N, C-alpha and C. Protein backbone atom coordinates (compact mmCIF):
# COMPACT_ATOMS: atom_id res chain seq x y z
N MET A 1 34.50 -8.12 -0.04
CA MET A 1 34.95 -7.57 1.23
C MET A 1 35.94 -8.52 1.89
N ARG A 2 36.83 -8.00 2.67
CA ARG A 2 37.67 -8.86 3.48
C ARG A 2 36.80 -9.60 4.49
N PRO A 3 36.99 -10.89 4.67
CA PRO A 3 36.12 -11.64 5.58
C PRO A 3 36.10 -11.09 6.99
N LEU A 4 37.19 -10.46 7.45
CA LEU A 4 37.24 -9.99 8.82
C LEU A 4 36.56 -8.64 9.00
N ALA A 5 36.23 -7.98 7.93
CA ALA A 5 35.58 -6.69 8.03
C ALA A 5 34.07 -6.88 8.10
N GLY A 6 33.62 -7.56 9.14
CA GLY A 6 32.21 -7.84 9.30
C GLY A 6 31.98 -9.34 9.36
N VAL A 7 30.76 -9.74 9.68
CA VAL A 7 30.42 -11.14 9.83
C VAL A 7 29.34 -11.48 8.83
N LEU A 8 29.42 -12.64 8.20
CA LEU A 8 28.43 -13.00 7.20
C LEU A 8 27.04 -13.06 7.81
N ALA A 9 26.07 -12.56 7.07
CA ALA A 9 24.69 -12.54 7.55
C ALA A 9 24.11 -13.93 7.60
N LEU A 10 23.28 -14.17 8.61
CA LEU A 10 22.61 -15.46 8.76
C LEU A 10 21.10 -15.34 8.62
N VAL A 11 20.62 -14.17 8.23
CA VAL A 11 19.19 -13.92 8.15
C VAL A 11 18.84 -13.49 6.74
N ALA A 12 17.72 -13.97 6.20
CA ALA A 12 17.29 -13.59 4.86
C ALA A 12 16.99 -12.10 4.78
N CYS A 13 17.11 -11.53 3.57
CA CYS A 13 16.87 -10.10 3.46
C CYS A 13 16.20 -9.75 2.15
N ALA A 14 15.68 -8.56 2.09
CA ALA A 14 15.21 -7.92 0.87
C ALA A 14 15.33 -6.43 1.11
N TRP A 15 15.02 -5.62 0.08
CA TRP A 15 15.16 -4.18 0.32
C TRP A 15 14.11 -3.42 -0.46
N ALA A 16 13.87 -2.21 -0.01
CA ALA A 16 12.92 -1.34 -0.68
C ALA A 16 13.30 0.09 -0.44
N VAL A 17 13.03 0.95 -1.41
CA VAL A 17 13.28 2.38 -1.23
C VAL A 17 12.20 2.96 -0.34
N GLN A 18 12.62 3.75 0.62
CA GLN A 18 11.66 4.33 1.55
C GLN A 18 12.26 5.59 2.15
N ALA A 19 11.49 6.65 2.27
CA ALA A 19 11.98 7.84 2.95
C ALA A 19 12.20 7.50 4.40
N THR A 20 13.43 7.71 4.91
CA THR A 20 13.74 7.29 6.26
C THR A 20 13.94 8.51 7.14
N ASP A 21 15.17 8.81 7.48
CA ASP A 21 15.45 9.90 8.40
C ASP A 21 15.70 11.19 7.65
N LYS A 22 14.70 11.62 6.86
CA LYS A 22 14.75 12.84 6.08
C LYS A 22 16.01 12.92 5.22
N PRO A 23 16.16 11.98 4.25
CA PRO A 23 17.32 12.05 3.37
C PRO A 23 17.30 13.34 2.57
N ALA A 24 18.48 13.84 2.21
CA ALA A 24 18.56 15.04 1.39
C ALA A 24 17.98 14.75 0.01
N ALA A 25 17.74 15.83 -0.73
CA ALA A 25 17.07 15.67 -2.02
C ALA A 25 17.85 14.77 -2.97
N ASP A 26 19.18 14.75 -2.84
CA ASP A 26 19.99 13.94 -3.75
C ASP A 26 20.38 12.59 -3.15
N GLU A 27 19.77 12.22 -2.02
CA GLU A 27 20.01 10.92 -1.40
C GLU A 27 18.78 10.03 -1.56
N THR A 28 18.96 8.74 -1.36
CA THR A 28 17.87 7.78 -1.45
C THR A 28 17.70 7.06 -0.13
N GLY A 29 16.48 7.02 0.38
CA GLY A 29 16.20 6.23 1.57
C GLY A 29 16.19 4.75 1.23
N VAL A 30 16.81 3.93 2.08
CA VAL A 30 16.93 2.50 1.82
C VAL A 30 16.47 1.73 3.05
N MET A 31 15.71 0.66 2.85
CA MET A 31 15.33 -0.23 3.93
C MET A 31 15.70 -1.65 3.55
N VAL A 32 16.44 -2.33 4.40
CA VAL A 32 16.74 -3.75 4.22
C VAL A 32 16.14 -4.49 5.40
N TYR A 33 15.51 -5.64 5.15
CA TYR A 33 14.82 -6.30 6.24
C TYR A 33 14.98 -7.81 6.19
N GLY A 34 14.78 -8.43 7.33
CA GLY A 34 14.80 -9.88 7.44
C GLY A 34 13.56 -10.37 8.16
N LYS A 35 12.95 -11.42 7.67
CA LYS A 35 11.77 -11.98 8.30
C LYS A 35 12.17 -12.80 9.52
N PRO A 36 11.23 -13.09 10.41
CA PRO A 36 11.56 -13.89 11.60
C PRO A 36 12.24 -15.20 11.22
N ASP A 37 13.24 -15.59 12.01
CA ASP A 37 14.00 -16.79 11.74
C ASP A 37 14.35 -17.46 13.07
N GLY A 38 13.57 -18.49 13.43
CA GLY A 38 13.79 -19.15 14.71
C GLY A 38 13.53 -18.22 15.87
N ASP A 39 14.54 -18.03 16.71
CA ASP A 39 14.39 -17.16 17.87
C ASP A 39 14.63 -15.69 17.53
N VAL A 40 14.99 -15.40 16.29
CA VAL A 40 15.29 -14.02 15.90
C VAL A 40 14.03 -13.37 15.32
N PRO A 41 13.52 -12.30 15.94
CA PRO A 41 12.34 -11.63 15.40
C PRO A 41 12.65 -10.96 14.06
N GLY A 42 11.61 -10.61 13.32
CA GLY A 42 11.80 -9.85 12.10
C GLY A 42 12.42 -8.49 12.40
N TRP A 43 13.24 -8.00 11.51
CA TRP A 43 13.95 -6.74 11.73
C TRP A 43 14.02 -5.95 10.42
N ALA A 44 14.23 -4.66 10.55
CA ALA A 44 14.47 -3.80 9.40
C ALA A 44 15.50 -2.75 9.79
N ILE A 45 16.44 -2.49 8.90
CA ILE A 45 17.43 -1.44 9.08
C ILE A 45 17.24 -0.43 7.98
N ASN A 46 17.04 0.82 8.36
CA ASN A 46 16.89 1.92 7.41
C ASN A 46 18.15 2.76 7.40
N THR A 47 18.51 3.28 6.22
CA THR A 47 19.62 4.21 6.10
C THR A 47 19.44 5.00 4.82
N ILE A 48 20.52 5.64 4.36
CA ILE A 48 20.47 6.40 3.11
C ILE A 48 21.58 5.92 2.18
N ALA A 49 21.33 6.02 0.90
CA ALA A 49 22.38 5.84 -0.11
C ALA A 49 22.78 7.22 -0.59
N PRO A 50 24.07 7.57 -0.52
CA PRO A 50 24.50 8.91 -0.95
C PRO A 50 24.20 9.14 -2.44
N ALA A 51 24.18 10.39 -2.84
CA ALA A 51 23.96 10.74 -4.24
C ALA A 51 25.02 10.08 -5.12
N GLY A 52 24.58 9.42 -6.19
CA GLY A 52 25.50 8.77 -7.10
C GLY A 52 25.89 7.36 -6.70
N TRP A 53 25.37 6.87 -5.55
CA TRP A 53 25.66 5.52 -5.08
C TRP A 53 24.41 4.66 -5.24
N THR A 54 24.60 3.37 -5.44
CA THR A 54 23.51 2.41 -5.63
C THR A 54 23.46 1.44 -4.48
N ALA A 55 22.26 1.19 -3.96
CA ALA A 55 22.06 0.21 -2.89
C ALA A 55 21.49 -1.08 -3.49
N ASP A 56 22.03 -2.22 -3.08
CA ASP A 56 21.59 -3.50 -3.61
C ASP A 56 21.63 -4.55 -2.51
N CYS A 57 20.57 -5.32 -2.39
CA CYS A 57 20.57 -6.44 -1.45
C CYS A 57 20.25 -7.76 -2.12
N CYS A 58 19.65 -7.71 -3.30
CA CYS A 58 19.04 -8.91 -3.85
C CYS A 58 19.80 -9.50 -5.03
N GLN A 59 20.88 -8.89 -5.44
CA GLN A 59 21.66 -9.44 -6.54
C GLN A 59 23.11 -9.59 -6.11
N TYR A 60 23.85 -8.50 -6.10
CA TYR A 60 25.27 -8.57 -5.77
C TYR A 60 25.50 -8.89 -4.30
N ALA A 61 24.72 -8.27 -3.41
CA ALA A 61 24.89 -8.54 -1.99
C ALA A 61 24.65 -10.01 -1.68
N ARG A 62 23.59 -10.54 -2.22
CA ARG A 62 23.28 -11.96 -1.98
C ARG A 62 24.38 -12.85 -2.52
N ALA A 63 24.96 -12.47 -3.66
CA ALA A 63 25.99 -13.29 -4.28
C ALA A 63 27.24 -13.40 -3.41
N ILE A 64 27.53 -12.35 -2.62
CA ILE A 64 28.72 -12.39 -1.77
C ILE A 64 28.36 -12.67 -0.31
N GLY A 65 27.09 -12.97 -0.02
CA GLY A 65 26.70 -13.44 1.30
C GLY A 65 26.53 -12.35 2.34
N VAL A 66 26.10 -11.14 1.92
CA VAL A 66 25.87 -10.06 2.88
C VAL A 66 24.45 -9.54 2.70
N ASN A 67 24.02 -8.65 3.58
CA ASN A 67 22.65 -8.15 3.52
C ASN A 67 22.46 -6.98 2.56
N LEU A 68 23.47 -6.13 2.44
CA LEU A 68 23.32 -4.92 1.62
C LEU A 68 24.69 -4.44 1.20
N VAL A 69 24.79 -3.98 -0.04
CA VAL A 69 25.98 -3.27 -0.50
C VAL A 69 25.54 -1.92 -1.05
N ILE A 70 26.36 -0.92 -0.83
CA ILE A 70 26.15 0.41 -1.39
C ILE A 70 27.43 0.77 -2.13
N TYR A 71 27.33 0.98 -3.43
CA TYR A 71 28.52 1.17 -4.24
C TYR A 71 28.32 2.34 -5.21
N ARG A 72 29.43 2.86 -5.70
CA ARG A 72 29.41 4.00 -6.61
C ARG A 72 29.79 3.54 -8.01
N GLY A 73 29.07 4.04 -9.00
CA GLY A 73 29.37 3.65 -10.38
C GLY A 73 28.85 2.26 -10.68
N ASP A 74 29.60 1.52 -11.48
CA ASP A 74 29.19 0.16 -11.85
C ASP A 74 29.74 -0.86 -10.87
N TRP A 75 28.99 -1.94 -10.68
CA TRP A 75 29.46 -3.03 -9.82
C TRP A 75 30.59 -3.77 -10.51
N THR A 76 31.73 -3.88 -9.83
CA THR A 76 32.90 -4.56 -10.41
C THR A 76 33.21 -5.88 -9.71
N GLY A 77 32.62 -6.10 -8.55
CA GLY A 77 32.96 -7.27 -7.76
C GLY A 77 34.16 -7.06 -6.87
N GLU A 78 34.85 -5.93 -7.03
CA GLU A 78 35.99 -5.60 -6.18
C GLU A 78 35.50 -4.91 -4.91
N PRO A 79 36.16 -5.13 -3.77
CA PRO A 79 35.67 -4.58 -2.50
C PRO A 79 35.97 -3.10 -2.29
N ASP A 80 36.87 -2.52 -3.09
CA ASP A 80 37.30 -1.16 -2.84
C ASP A 80 36.14 -0.17 -2.87
N ARG A 81 35.98 0.57 -1.77
CA ARG A 81 34.97 1.63 -1.66
C ARG A 81 33.54 1.12 -1.86
N VAL A 82 33.28 -0.07 -1.33
CA VAL A 82 31.92 -0.62 -1.29
C VAL A 82 31.49 -0.71 0.17
N MET A 83 30.39 -0.05 0.51
CA MET A 83 29.86 -0.12 1.87
C MET A 83 29.04 -1.40 2.02
N VAL A 84 29.27 -2.13 3.10
CA VAL A 84 28.66 -3.44 3.29
C VAL A 84 27.94 -3.50 4.63
N LEU A 85 26.69 -3.96 4.61
CA LEU A 85 25.93 -4.20 5.84
C LEU A 85 25.78 -5.70 6.05
N ASN A 86 26.13 -6.16 7.26
CA ASN A 86 25.91 -7.54 7.68
C ASN A 86 25.02 -7.54 8.91
N VAL A 87 24.07 -8.45 8.96
CA VAL A 87 23.20 -8.62 10.13
C VAL A 87 23.26 -10.09 10.53
N TRP A 88 23.38 -10.36 11.83
CA TRP A 88 23.46 -11.74 12.29
C TRP A 88 22.82 -11.89 13.67
N PRO A 89 22.42 -13.12 14.03
CA PRO A 89 21.86 -13.34 15.37
C PRO A 89 22.89 -13.04 16.44
N ARG A 90 22.51 -12.26 17.46
CA ARG A 90 23.46 -11.87 18.50
C ARG A 90 23.84 -13.09 19.34
N LYS A 91 25.14 -13.20 19.61
CA LYS A 91 25.66 -14.28 20.44
C LYS A 91 26.60 -13.74 21.51
N LEU A 92 27.54 -12.89 21.12
CA LEU A 92 28.48 -12.33 22.08
C LEU A 92 27.77 -11.31 22.97
N PRO A 93 28.21 -11.14 24.22
CA PRO A 93 27.44 -10.36 25.18
C PRO A 93 27.44 -8.84 24.95
N THR A 94 28.50 -8.30 24.35
CA THR A 94 28.62 -6.84 24.23
C THR A 94 29.25 -6.46 22.90
N LEU A 95 29.12 -5.16 22.55
CA LEU A 95 29.83 -4.66 21.38
C LEU A 95 31.34 -4.78 21.55
N GLN A 96 31.82 -4.57 22.78
CA GLN A 96 33.25 -4.70 23.03
C GLN A 96 33.72 -6.12 22.73
N ALA A 97 32.90 -7.09 23.06
CA ALA A 97 33.25 -8.48 22.76
C ALA A 97 33.31 -8.72 21.25
N GLU A 98 32.38 -8.11 20.52
CA GLU A 98 32.43 -8.21 19.06
C GLU A 98 33.74 -7.62 18.53
N TRP A 99 34.09 -6.46 19.08
CA TRP A 99 35.32 -5.79 18.65
C TRP A 99 36.55 -6.60 18.99
N ASP A 100 36.59 -7.13 20.20
CA ASP A 100 37.75 -7.92 20.63
C ASP A 100 37.96 -9.12 19.71
N ALA A 101 36.85 -9.80 19.36
CA ALA A 101 36.95 -10.98 18.50
C ALA A 101 37.41 -10.60 17.10
N ASP A 102 36.87 -9.50 16.56
CA ASP A 102 37.24 -9.07 15.22
C ASP A 102 38.70 -8.62 15.17
N ARG A 103 39.11 -7.83 16.16
CA ARG A 103 40.49 -7.33 16.19
C ARG A 103 41.49 -8.48 16.34
N LYS A 104 41.14 -9.47 17.18
CA LYS A 104 42.02 -10.62 17.37
C LYS A 104 42.24 -11.36 16.06
N LYS A 105 41.15 -11.61 15.32
CA LYS A 105 41.28 -12.32 14.05
C LYS A 105 42.07 -11.51 13.03
N TYR A 106 41.81 -10.21 13.00
CA TYR A 106 42.51 -9.35 12.03
C TYR A 106 44.01 -9.34 12.32
N LEU A 107 44.37 -9.16 13.58
CA LEU A 107 45.78 -9.07 13.93
C LEU A 107 46.48 -10.42 13.84
N GLU A 108 45.74 -11.50 13.96
CA GLU A 108 46.34 -12.81 13.73
C GLU A 108 46.76 -12.95 12.28
N ARG A 109 45.98 -12.38 11.38
CA ARG A 109 46.30 -12.43 9.96
C ARG A 109 47.36 -11.41 9.58
N ASP A 110 47.36 -10.28 10.28
CA ASP A 110 48.29 -9.20 9.95
C ASP A 110 48.81 -8.57 11.24
N PRO A 111 49.80 -9.20 11.89
CA PRO A 111 50.29 -8.70 13.18
C PRO A 111 50.86 -7.29 13.12
N ALA A 112 51.27 -6.83 11.94
CA ALA A 112 51.85 -5.50 11.81
C ALA A 112 50.80 -4.42 11.55
N ALA A 113 49.54 -4.80 11.47
CA ALA A 113 48.49 -3.82 11.21
C ALA A 113 48.32 -2.87 12.40
N LYS A 114 47.82 -1.70 12.12
CA LYS A 114 47.52 -0.71 13.14
C LYS A 114 46.01 -0.51 13.22
N VAL A 115 45.53 -0.21 14.41
CA VAL A 115 44.10 0.00 14.63
C VAL A 115 43.88 1.33 15.32
N GLU A 116 42.95 2.12 14.82
CA GLU A 116 42.61 3.39 15.46
C GLU A 116 41.09 3.53 15.53
N PRO A 117 40.59 4.33 16.48
CA PRO A 117 39.13 4.52 16.58
C PRO A 117 38.57 5.20 15.33
N PHE A 118 37.34 4.91 15.03
CA PHE A 118 36.60 5.59 13.98
C PHE A 118 35.31 6.09 14.63
N PRO A 119 35.33 7.32 15.13
CA PRO A 119 34.19 7.81 15.94
C PRO A 119 32.88 7.85 15.16
N ILE A 120 31.82 7.43 15.82
CA ILE A 120 30.47 7.47 15.28
C ILE A 120 29.61 8.29 16.24
N LYS A 121 28.95 9.29 15.72
CA LYS A 121 28.11 10.15 16.54
C LYS A 121 26.87 9.39 16.99
N ALA A 122 26.62 9.40 18.28
CA ALA A 122 25.45 8.70 18.82
C ALA A 122 24.16 9.38 18.36
N ASN A 123 23.18 8.58 18.01
CA ASN A 123 21.86 9.08 17.62
C ASN A 123 20.81 8.39 18.48
N PRO A 124 20.40 9.01 19.59
CA PRO A 124 19.45 8.37 20.52
C PRO A 124 18.13 7.99 19.87
N GLN A 125 17.79 8.65 18.75
CA GLN A 125 16.51 8.37 18.09
C GLN A 125 16.57 7.10 17.25
N SER A 126 17.77 6.59 16.98
CA SER A 126 17.91 5.51 16.01
C SER A 126 17.60 4.13 16.59
N GLY A 127 17.68 3.98 17.90
CA GLY A 127 17.53 2.66 18.49
C GLY A 127 18.75 1.79 18.31
N VAL A 128 19.89 2.38 17.91
CA VAL A 128 21.10 1.62 17.62
C VAL A 128 22.29 2.31 18.27
N SER A 129 23.14 1.55 18.97
CA SER A 129 24.40 2.07 19.47
C SER A 129 25.53 1.44 18.67
N CYS A 130 26.56 2.23 18.34
CA CYS A 130 27.62 1.77 17.45
C CYS A 130 29.00 2.12 17.97
N SER A 131 29.98 1.32 17.55
CA SER A 131 31.38 1.56 17.90
C SER A 131 32.22 1.20 16.69
N GLY A 132 33.11 2.12 16.26
CA GLY A 132 33.84 1.91 15.02
C GLY A 132 35.34 1.95 15.17
N GLY A 133 36.02 1.37 14.19
CA GLY A 133 37.48 1.39 14.17
C GLY A 133 37.98 1.32 12.74
N LEU A 134 39.24 1.73 12.56
CA LEU A 134 39.87 1.74 11.24
C LEU A 134 41.15 0.92 11.32
N TYR A 135 41.19 -0.16 10.53
CA TYR A 135 42.39 -1.00 10.45
C TYR A 135 43.29 -0.50 9.33
N HIS A 136 44.57 -0.31 9.62
CA HIS A 136 45.55 0.04 8.61
C HIS A 136 46.41 -1.20 8.37
N GLY A 137 46.18 -1.90 7.25
CA GLY A 137 46.91 -3.12 6.98
C GLY A 137 48.34 -2.86 6.55
N SER A 138 49.22 -3.81 6.83
CA SER A 138 50.61 -3.67 6.42
C SER A 138 50.75 -3.75 4.91
N ASP A 139 49.70 -4.21 4.21
CA ASP A 139 49.69 -4.25 2.75
C ASP A 139 49.15 -2.96 2.16
N HIS A 140 48.97 -1.94 3.02
CA HIS A 140 48.47 -0.61 2.60
C HIS A 140 47.01 -0.66 2.17
N VAL A 141 46.32 -1.68 2.62
CA VAL A 141 44.87 -1.76 2.44
C VAL A 141 44.22 -1.51 3.80
N ASP A 142 43.28 -0.58 3.84
CA ASP A 142 42.60 -0.24 5.08
C ASP A 142 41.17 -0.78 5.08
N ASP A 143 40.69 -1.08 6.27
CA ASP A 143 39.30 -1.52 6.45
C ASP A 143 38.68 -0.71 7.58
N VAL A 144 37.56 -0.07 7.30
CA VAL A 144 36.80 0.59 8.36
C VAL A 144 35.64 -0.31 8.72
N VAL A 145 35.46 -0.53 10.03
CA VAL A 145 34.44 -1.46 10.52
C VAL A 145 33.69 -0.81 11.67
N VAL A 146 32.38 -0.90 11.64
CA VAL A 146 31.54 -0.37 12.71
C VAL A 146 30.58 -1.46 13.16
N PHE A 147 30.63 -1.84 14.43
CA PHE A 147 29.69 -2.79 15.00
C PHE A 147 28.56 -2.02 15.68
N CYS A 148 27.34 -2.48 15.48
CA CYS A 148 26.18 -1.80 16.05
C CYS A 148 25.26 -2.79 16.77
N ASP A 149 24.60 -2.29 17.79
CA ASP A 149 23.70 -3.10 18.61
C ASP A 149 22.35 -2.39 18.71
N PRO A 150 21.29 -2.96 18.12
CA PRO A 150 19.97 -2.35 18.22
C PRO A 150 19.19 -2.77 19.47
N GLY A 151 19.82 -3.49 20.39
CA GLY A 151 19.16 -3.85 21.64
C GLY A 151 18.93 -5.35 21.78
N LYS A 152 18.94 -5.82 23.01
CA LYS A 152 18.88 -7.25 23.28
C LYS A 152 17.63 -7.91 22.74
N THR A 153 16.48 -7.23 22.86
CA THR A 153 15.22 -7.87 22.45
C THR A 153 15.11 -8.04 20.94
N THR A 154 15.94 -7.35 20.17
CA THR A 154 15.88 -7.49 18.70
C THR A 154 16.45 -8.82 18.24
N GLY A 155 17.34 -9.41 19.04
CA GLY A 155 17.93 -10.69 18.67
C GLY A 155 19.05 -10.60 17.65
N ILE A 156 19.45 -9.39 17.25
CA ILE A 156 20.45 -9.24 16.21
C ILE A 156 21.56 -8.28 16.61
N ARG A 157 22.65 -8.38 15.89
CA ARG A 157 23.68 -7.34 15.85
C ARG A 157 23.96 -7.08 14.38
N LEU A 158 24.66 -6.00 14.10
CA LEU A 158 24.97 -5.67 12.71
C LEU A 158 26.30 -4.96 12.62
N SER A 159 26.87 -4.97 11.44
CA SER A 159 28.10 -4.23 11.19
C SER A 159 28.03 -3.56 9.83
N TRP A 160 28.68 -2.41 9.76
CA TRP A 160 28.96 -1.73 8.50
C TRP A 160 30.46 -1.81 8.28
N SER A 161 30.89 -2.07 7.05
CA SER A 161 32.31 -2.13 6.77
C SER A 161 32.59 -1.64 5.36
N MET A 162 33.84 -1.22 5.14
CA MET A 162 34.26 -0.78 3.81
C MET A 162 35.77 -0.93 3.71
N THR A 163 36.24 -1.40 2.57
CA THR A 163 37.67 -1.55 2.29
C THR A 163 38.14 -0.39 1.43
N LEU A 164 39.30 0.13 1.76
CA LEU A 164 39.96 1.16 0.96
C LEU A 164 41.29 0.58 0.50
N SER A 165 41.30 0.06 -0.73
CA SER A 165 42.48 -0.67 -1.19
C SER A 165 43.28 0.07 -2.26
N THR A 166 42.79 1.20 -2.71
CA THR A 166 43.54 1.98 -3.69
C THR A 166 43.65 3.42 -3.22
N PRO A 167 44.77 4.09 -3.49
CA PRO A 167 44.91 5.49 -3.08
C PRO A 167 44.00 6.37 -3.91
N GLY A 168 43.72 7.53 -3.40
CA GLY A 168 42.89 8.48 -4.14
C GLY A 168 42.56 9.68 -3.31
N GLY A 169 42.37 10.82 -3.97
CA GLY A 169 42.06 12.05 -3.27
C GLY A 169 40.67 12.08 -2.67
N ASP A 170 39.85 11.05 -2.99
CA ASP A 170 38.49 11.02 -2.47
C ASP A 170 38.39 10.28 -1.15
N ARG A 171 39.51 9.84 -0.58
CA ARG A 171 39.49 8.99 0.60
C ARG A 171 38.70 9.62 1.75
N ASP A 172 39.02 10.86 2.11
CA ASP A 172 38.33 11.52 3.23
C ASP A 172 36.85 11.70 2.93
N GLN A 173 36.52 12.03 1.68
CA GLN A 173 35.12 12.21 1.30
C GLN A 173 34.35 10.90 1.42
N VAL A 174 34.96 9.81 0.96
CA VAL A 174 34.28 8.50 1.01
C VAL A 174 34.10 8.06 2.45
N LEU A 175 35.11 8.28 3.30
CA LEU A 175 34.96 7.93 4.71
C LEU A 175 33.86 8.76 5.37
N ALA A 176 33.74 10.04 4.97
CA ALA A 176 32.68 10.89 5.53
C ALA A 176 31.30 10.38 5.09
N LEU A 177 31.19 9.94 3.85
CA LEU A 177 29.92 9.39 3.38
C LEU A 177 29.59 8.09 4.11
N PHE A 178 30.60 7.26 4.31
CA PHE A 178 30.40 6.01 5.05
C PHE A 178 29.91 6.31 6.46
N ARG A 179 30.55 7.27 7.13
CA ARG A 179 30.13 7.63 8.48
C ARG A 179 28.67 8.11 8.49
N LYS A 180 28.28 8.88 7.47
CA LYS A 180 26.91 9.37 7.41
C LYS A 180 25.92 8.23 7.23
N VAL A 181 26.26 7.27 6.38
CA VAL A 181 25.39 6.11 6.18
C VAL A 181 25.18 5.37 7.50
N VAL A 182 26.27 5.18 8.26
CA VAL A 182 26.17 4.49 9.54
C VAL A 182 25.32 5.30 10.52
N GLU A 183 25.60 6.58 10.61
CA GLU A 183 24.90 7.42 11.58
C GLU A 183 23.43 7.61 11.24
N GLN A 184 23.07 7.43 9.96
CA GLN A 184 21.67 7.52 9.55
C GLN A 184 20.94 6.19 9.69
N SER A 185 21.66 5.14 10.08
CA SER A 185 21.03 3.82 10.19
C SER A 185 20.17 3.75 11.45
N PHE A 186 18.97 3.21 11.32
CA PHE A 186 18.16 2.98 12.50
C PHE A 186 17.35 1.70 12.35
N TYR A 187 16.99 1.16 13.49
CA TYR A 187 16.31 -0.13 13.56
C TYR A 187 14.80 0.03 13.66
N MET A 188 14.08 -0.86 13.00
CA MET A 188 12.64 -0.99 13.19
C MET A 188 12.30 -2.47 13.25
N LYS A 189 11.26 -2.79 13.97
CA LYS A 189 10.79 -4.17 14.02
C LYS A 189 9.97 -4.46 12.78
N TYR A 190 10.26 -5.57 12.15
CA TYR A 190 9.58 -5.95 10.91
C TYR A 190 8.56 -7.04 11.20
N LYS A 191 7.36 -6.87 10.66
CA LYS A 191 6.31 -7.87 10.80
C LYS A 191 5.66 -8.11 9.45
N ASP A 192 5.37 -9.37 9.16
CA ASP A 192 4.62 -9.69 7.95
C ASP A 192 3.16 -9.29 8.15
N SER A 193 2.60 -8.63 7.16
CA SER A 193 1.17 -8.32 7.22
C SER A 193 0.39 -9.45 6.56
N ARG A 194 -0.90 -9.40 6.64
CA ARG A 194 -1.72 -10.49 6.12
C ARG A 194 -1.60 -10.63 4.61
N ASP A 195 -1.28 -9.51 3.93
CA ASP A 195 -1.15 -9.61 2.48
C ASP A 195 0.27 -9.95 2.05
N ASN A 196 1.14 -10.30 3.07
CA ASN A 196 2.49 -10.76 2.81
C ASN A 196 3.41 -9.68 2.27
N HIS A 197 3.00 -8.42 2.30
CA HIS A 197 3.89 -7.35 1.87
C HIS A 197 4.79 -6.87 3.01
N GLY A 198 4.40 -7.13 4.23
CA GLY A 198 5.24 -6.79 5.36
C GLY A 198 5.09 -5.33 5.77
N SER A 199 5.55 -5.04 6.97
CA SER A 199 5.53 -3.67 7.47
C SER A 199 6.66 -3.54 8.48
N ALA A 200 7.09 -2.32 8.67
CA ALA A 200 8.15 -2.07 9.65
C ALA A 200 7.69 -0.96 10.56
N LYS A 201 7.89 -1.16 11.84
CA LYS A 201 7.46 -0.17 12.83
C LYS A 201 8.63 0.27 13.68
N GLY A 202 8.77 1.57 13.81
CA GLY A 202 9.83 2.11 14.65
C GLY A 202 9.46 2.06 16.11
N GLY A 203 10.43 2.37 16.95
CA GLY A 203 10.15 2.36 18.38
C GLY A 203 11.31 2.94 19.16
N ALA A 204 11.14 3.02 20.44
CA ALA A 204 12.21 3.53 21.31
C ALA A 204 13.34 2.54 21.37
N ARG A 205 14.49 3.01 21.84
CA ARG A 205 15.66 2.14 22.01
C ARG A 205 15.31 0.98 22.92
N HIS A 206 15.72 -0.23 22.51
CA HIS A 206 15.48 -1.42 23.33
C HIS A 206 16.52 -1.51 24.43
């Protein structure tokens, strides 16, 4: 992934298949979680992997320093059309501040780039608020980035990102799938159980 299309995760993770927000028959429910780390409570993010896509947190994602990757076909190591989840301890005060910092860095690297909104439908049940944008690079490589906030008490923020570096007739379809993955994402508080298998509990928006 382009370094500016999201922030490297600072919290440990693992993942498990789990039925989340009623995935379709050809989709897979995915849960990625991080155990408590200092002042950051344990957390879990649930979403779906589209049909024909693979979710990974413990091999390829870890190798590139992110929490989760969702990719189609075989893993190539190339960023094109790979959905990436990053989770990090919240520091900036608002989602707008996250956006301002990301846009500033991106435009410093590529002053001729264009930025447009990437609308995300609000889901009050998810416990997560999100704001997205689409960068059009002067090198004809695009990056879609969505920053999300699951609430102050969670101690975290997260981003979804994806690079589109090659042309193709599937562009609109892939962006629609990316949007669905983001909109299906929801937060749960993660707690270790006594048998060390852990558990995740949902709740109202923080």
